[in-house]
Amino acid sequence: MDIKAQINKIVEEVSKNPNIKEQFEKEPVKTIEKVLGIDLPDDVVMKIVDGVKAKLATDNVSKAADAIKGIFK
């Protein structure tokens, strides 16, 4: 299983769907398994949860930095 591809898929779903984002914040494991449509072993799903959280945090920091750059133009 390509964990990186699964992380990207979840991040895309969370980013474009506020309901999925809300579900992910409350129950990340269930949300990931629902979006992917498969039941994953705990160690795999936790790697995906951690990866999604990290990618979302990175994306948010990037957006904030872009907004700040816009202020100084």
C-alpha atoms as a PDB file:
ATOM      1  CA  MET A   1       0.000   0.000   0.000  1.00  0.00           C
ATOM      2  CA  ASP A   2       1.310   3.424  -0.949  1.00  0.00           C
ATOM      3  CA  ILE A   3       0.781   5.315   2.301  1.00  0.00           C
ATOM      4  CA  LYS A   4       1.857   8.634   0.782  1.00  0.00           C
ATOM      5  CA  ALA A   5      -0.810   8.313  -1.929  1.00  0.00           C
ATOM      6  CA  GLN A   6      -3.436   7.485   0.694  1.00  0.00           C
ATOM      7  CA  ILE A   7      -2.393  10.515   2.757  1.00  0.00           C
ATOM      8  CA  ASN A   8      -2.730  12.756  -0.300  1.00  0.00           C
ATOM      9  CA  LYS A   9      -6.165  11.306  -1.056  1.00  0.00           C
ATOM     10  CA  ILE A  10      -7.393  11.971   2.491  1.00  0.00           C
ATOM     11  CA  VAL A  11      -5.922  15.494   2.540  1.00  0.00           C
ATOM     12  CA  GLU A  12      -7.705  16.258  -0.727  1.00  0.00           C
ATOM     13  CA  GLU A  13     -11.034  15.024   0.654  1.00  0.00           C
ATOM     14  CA  VAL A  14     -10.597  16.870   3.960  1.00  0.00           C
ATOM     15  CA  SER A  15      -9.623  20.082   2.160  1.00  0.00           C
ATOM     16  CA  LYS A  16     -12.599  20.158  -0.184  1.00  0.00           C
ATOM     17  CA  ASN A  17     -15.325  18.766   2.074  1.00  0.00           C
ATOM     18  CA  PRO A  18     -16.066  20.512   5.406  1.00  0.00           C
ATOM     19  CA  ASN A  19     -18.132  17.533   6.619  1.00  0.00           C
ATOM     20  CA  ILE A  20     -15.213  15.160   6.092  1.00  0.00           C
ATOM     21  CA  LYS A  21     -12.911  17.657   7.819  1.00  0.00           C
ATOM     22  CA  GLU A  22     -15.215  17.799  10.835  1.00  0.00           C
ATOM     23  CA  GLN A  23     -15.436  14.005  10.948  1.00  0.00           C
ATOM     24  CA  PHE A  24     -11.659  13.696  10.646  1.00  0.00           C
ATOM     25  CA  GLU A  25     -11.142  16.077  13.570  1.00  0.00           C
ATOM     26  CA  LYS A  26     -13.509  14.017  15.758  1.00  0.00           C
ATOM     27  CA  GLU A  27     -12.733  10.476  14.592  1.00  0.00           C
ATOM     28  CA  PRO A  28      -9.704  10.351  12.298  1.00  0.00           C
ATOM     29  CA  VAL A  29      -9.429   6.554  12.129  1.00  0.00           C
ATOM     30  CA  LYS A  30     -13.071   5.986  11.203  1.00  0.00           C
ATOM     31  CA  THR A  31     -12.991   8.840   8.702  1.00  0.00           C
ATOM     32  CA  ILE A  32      -9.899   7.515   6.949  1.00  0.00           C
ATOM     33  CA  GLU A  33     -11.313   4.014   6.703  1.00  0.00           C
ATOM     34  CA  LYS A  34     -14.606   5.426   5.402  1.00  0.00           C
ATOM     35  CA  VAL A  35     -12.958   7.605   2.746  1.00  0.00           C
ATOM     36  CA  LEU A  36     -10.614   4.830   1.617  1.00  0.00           C
ATOM     37  CA  GLY A  37     -13.342   2.216   1.820  1.00  0.00           C
ATOM     38  CA  ILE A  38     -11.151  -0.336   3.581  1.00  0.00           C
ATOM     39  CA  ASP A  39     -10.438  -1.506   7.120  1.00  0.00           C
ATOM     40  CA  LEU A  40      -6.762  -0.988   7.811  1.00  0.00           C
ATOM     41  CA  PRO A  41      -4.449  -2.438  10.459  1.00  0.00           C
ATOM     42  CA  ASP A  42      -3.965  -0.066  13.399  1.00  0.00           C
ATOM     43  CA  ASP A  43      -0.292   0.597  12.662  1.00  0.00           C
ATOM     44  CA  VAL A  44      -1.032   1.564   9.047  1.00  0.00           C
ATOM     45  CA  VAL A  45      -4.027   3.756   9.829  1.00  0.00           C
ATOM     46  CA  MET A  46      -2.099   5.615  12.542  1.00  0.00           C
ATOM     47  CA  LYS A  47       0.712   6.375  10.070  1.00  0.00           C
ATOM     48  CA  ILE A  48      -1.902   7.784   7.700  1.00  0.00           C
ATOM     49  CA  VAL A  49      -3.560   9.819  10.486  1.00  0.00           C
ATOM     50  CA  ASP A  50      -0.206  11.297  11.486  1.00  0.00           C
ATOM     51  CA  GLY A  51       0.676  12.026   7.863  1.00  0.00           C
ATOM     52  CA  VAL A  52      -2.647  13.722   7.160  1.00  0.00           C
ATOM     53  CA  LYS A  53      -2.375  15.874  10.283  1.00  0.00           C
ATOM     54  CA  ALA A  54       1.176  16.882   9.381  1.00  0.00           C
ATOM     55  CA  LYS A  55       0.264  17.696   5.782  1.00  0.00           C
ATOM     56  CA  LEU A  56      -2.776  19.739   6.834  1.00  0.00           C
ATOM     57  CA  ALA A  57      -0.646  21.673   9.327  1.00  0.00           C
ATOM     58  CA  THR A  58       2.002  22.318   6.666  1.00  0.00           C
ATOM     59  CA  ASP A  59      -0.615  23.461   4.167  1.00  0.00           C
ATOM     60  CA  ASN A  60      -2.128  25.842   6.745  1.00  0.00           C
ATOM     61  CA  VAL A  61       1.278  27.334   7.542  1.00  0.00           C
ATOM     62  CA  SER A  62       1.968  27.769   3.830  1.00  0.00           C
ATOM     63  CA  LYS A  63      -1.358  29.558   3.295  1.00  0.00           C
ATOM     64  CA  ALA A  64      -0.676  31.846   6.251  1.00  0.00           C
ATOM     65  CA  ALA A  65       2.792  32.674   4.918  1.00  0.00           C
ATOM     66  CA  ASP A  66       1.320  33.490   1.499  1.00  0.00           C
ATOM     67  CA  ALA A  67      -1.228  35.791   3.136  1.00  0.00           C
ATOM     68  CA  ILE A  68       1.499  37.585   5.060  1.00  0.00           C
ATOM     69  CA  LYS A  69       3.562  38.009   1.896  1.00  0.00           C
ATOM     70  CA  GLY A  70       0.524  39.621   0.258  1.00  0.00           C
ATOM     71  CA  ILE A  71       0.367  42.240   2.983  1.00  0.00           C
ATOM     72  CA  PHE A  72       3.881  43.477   2.220  1.00  0.00           C
ATOM     73  CA  LYS A  73       3.446  43.835  -1.537  1.00  0.00           C
END
